[in-house]
Amino acid sequence: MYDTLGLDWDGVISHFPEELNILAAKFSRVAVITLNRTITLERVMAAFAGVQAEFILEHCPDDKRDEYAAWKAEACRRHKVSLMIDDDGYVVMECRSLGIPTLAVNAGFVQAVLRDSKF
């Protein structure tokens, strides 16, 4: 059994940092697989300060951007991801087609609910 959590940055880590810190602490490795080239390993480490895990950061190469969902699924396979979390349905479908358990999150919906709530 692999012990690697795969995470997207935008719409996932960016919107659920506290929750993902809790989850990441349960894994020995965390692979951040993103299209966002502004994310650095230092920024990843800062986002997960206090989490005792090995961190991996992989950016989508320019020549794979048109096929980003398949690229992310292959990156998950390469890093032996046991669970991927992404906000893009195409990524979820590609990962699942390779047998990689994947959860979809909807950051936009959560933001709208929080914005409209009375809390």
Protein backbone atom coordinates (compact mmCIF):
# COMPACT_ATOMS: atom_id res chain seq x y z
CA MET A 1 0.00 0.00 0.00
CA TYR A 2 1.32 3.41 -0.94
CA ASP A 3 1.34 6.23 1.56
CA THR A 4 1.34 9.30 -0.69
CA LEU A 5 -1.31 12.02 -0.75
CA GLY A 6 -1.66 13.87 -4.05
CA LEU A 7 -2.97 17.43 -3.99
CA ASP A 8 -3.75 20.16 -6.50
CA TRP A 9 -2.90 23.69 -5.39
CA ASP A 10 -5.51 26.07 -6.85
CA GLY A 11 -8.99 25.29 -5.58
CA VAL A 12 -7.68 22.64 -3.20
CA ILE A 13 -4.76 23.61 -0.96
CA SER A 14 -5.50 27.29 -1.60
CA HIS A 15 -9.08 26.93 -0.31
CA PHE A 16 -8.78 24.21 2.35
CA PRO A 17 -5.36 24.70 4.00
CA GLU A 18 -6.32 23.80 7.57
CA GLU A 19 -8.23 20.67 6.59
CA LEU A 20 -5.47 19.49 4.29
CA ASN A 21 -2.86 20.01 7.00
CA ILE A 22 -4.81 17.59 9.16
CA LEU A 23 -5.08 15.08 6.33
CA ALA A 24 -1.45 15.47 5.16
CA ALA A 25 -0.22 14.63 8.65
CA LYS A 26 -1.60 11.10 8.13
CA PHE A 27 0.67 10.46 5.13
CA SER A 28 4.42 9.98 4.87
CA ARG A 29 4.59 11.73 1.47
CA VAL A 30 2.63 14.60 -0.08
CA ALA A 31 2.86 15.29 -3.81
CA VAL A 32 1.60 18.68 -4.95
CA ILE A 33 0.76 18.27 -8.64
CA THR A 34 -0.21 21.59 -10.16
CA LEU A 35 -0.46 23.74 -13.25
CA ASN A 36 0.44 26.82 -11.20
CA ARG A 37 4.08 27.66 -11.88
CA THR A 38 4.18 30.32 -9.15
CA ILE A 39 4.08 27.62 -6.48
CA THR A 40 7.49 26.80 -5.06
CA LEU A 41 8.60 24.01 -2.78
CA GLU A 42 9.24 26.66 -0.13
CA ARG A 43 5.63 27.81 -0.40
CA VAL A 44 4.43 24.21 -0.11
CA MET A 45 6.59 23.68 2.99
CA ALA A 46 5.21 26.88 4.52
CA ALA A 47 1.63 25.80 3.83
CA PHE A 48 2.29 22.51 5.60
CA ALA A 49 4.51 23.79 8.40
CA GLY A 50 4.55 21.27 11.20
CA VAL A 51 3.58 18.31 9.02
CA GLN A 52 6.23 15.60 9.17
CA ALA A 53 6.17 14.28 5.61
CA GLU A 54 8.29 14.25 2.50
CA PHE A 55 7.03 16.89 0.07
CA ILE A 56 7.19 16.70 -3.72
CA LEU A 57 6.23 19.49 -6.11
CA GLU A 58 5.57 18.86 -9.77
CA HIS A 59 4.52 21.47 -12.33
CA CYS A 60 2.83 20.62 -15.59
CA PRO A 61 5.29 21.08 -18.47
CA ASP A 62 4.24 23.60 -21.12
CA ASP A 63 4.00 20.91 -23.79
CA LYS A 64 1.47 18.94 -21.68
CA ARG A 65 -0.88 21.81 -20.82
CA ASP A 66 -3.41 20.79 -23.48
CA GLU A 67 -3.48 17.32 -21.92
CA TYR A 68 -3.13 18.45 -18.29
CA ALA A 69 -5.65 15.96 -16.88
CA ALA A 70 -3.84 12.97 -18.37
CA TRP A 71 -0.51 14.49 -17.28
CA LYS A 72 -1.76 14.86 -13.68
CA ALA A 73 -2.97 11.25 -13.67
CA GLU A 74 0.41 10.05 -14.93
CA ALA A 75 2.17 12.19 -12.30
CA CYS A 76 0.00 10.51 -9.66
CA ARG A 77 1.00 7.10 -11.00
CA ARG A 78 4.68 8.09 -11.11
CA HIS A 79 4.61 9.25 -7.48
CA LYS A 80 2.54 6.24 -6.38
CA VAL A 81 -0.27 8.44 -5.07
CA SER A 82 -2.75 6.51 -2.94
CA LEU A 83 -5.31 9.35 -2.87
CA MET A 84 -5.55 12.43 -5.13
CA ILE A 85 -7.67 15.49 -4.33
CA ASP A 86 -8.48 17.90 -7.17
CA ASP A 87 -11.19 20.40 -8.09
CA ASP A 88 -11.22 19.49 -11.78
CA GLY A 89 -13.59 16.76 -12.92
CA TYR A 90 -11.38 15.88 -15.89
CA VAL A 91 -8.48 15.16 -13.56
CA VAL A 92 -10.74 13.05 -11.35
CA MET A 93 -11.89 11.01 -14.36
CA GLU A 94 -8.33 10.52 -15.68
CA CYS A 95 -7.00 9.45 -12.28
CA ARG A 96 -9.86 7.06 -11.70
CA SER A 97 -9.33 5.57 -15.17
CA LEU A 98 -5.84 4.59 -13.96
CA GLY A 99 -7.22 3.14 -10.73
CA ILE A 100 -6.09 6.05 -8.56
CA PRO A 101 -8.65 6.88 -5.85
CA THR A 102 -9.57 10.53 -6.32
CA LEU A 103 -11.78 12.98 -4.46
CA ALA A 104 -13.29 16.02 -6.13
CA VAL A 105 -13.74 19.24 -4.17
CA ASN A 106 -15.78 22.24 -5.23
CA ALA A 107 -14.08 25.33 -3.84
CA GLY A 108 -16.38 27.71 -5.72
CA PHE A 109 -19.46 26.20 -4.10
CA VAL A 110 -17.91 26.37 -0.63
CA GLN A 111 -16.90 30.01 -1.15
CA ALA A 112 -20.44 30.91 -2.27
CA VAL A 113 -22.00 29.18 0.73
CA LEU A 114 -19.62 30.86 3.16
CA ARG A 115 -20.12 34.24 1.52
CA ASP A 116 -23.91 33.89 1.73
CA SER A 117 -24.06 32.39 5.20
CA LYS A 118 -24.90 34.37 8.33
CA PHE A 119 -22.00 32.91 10.30
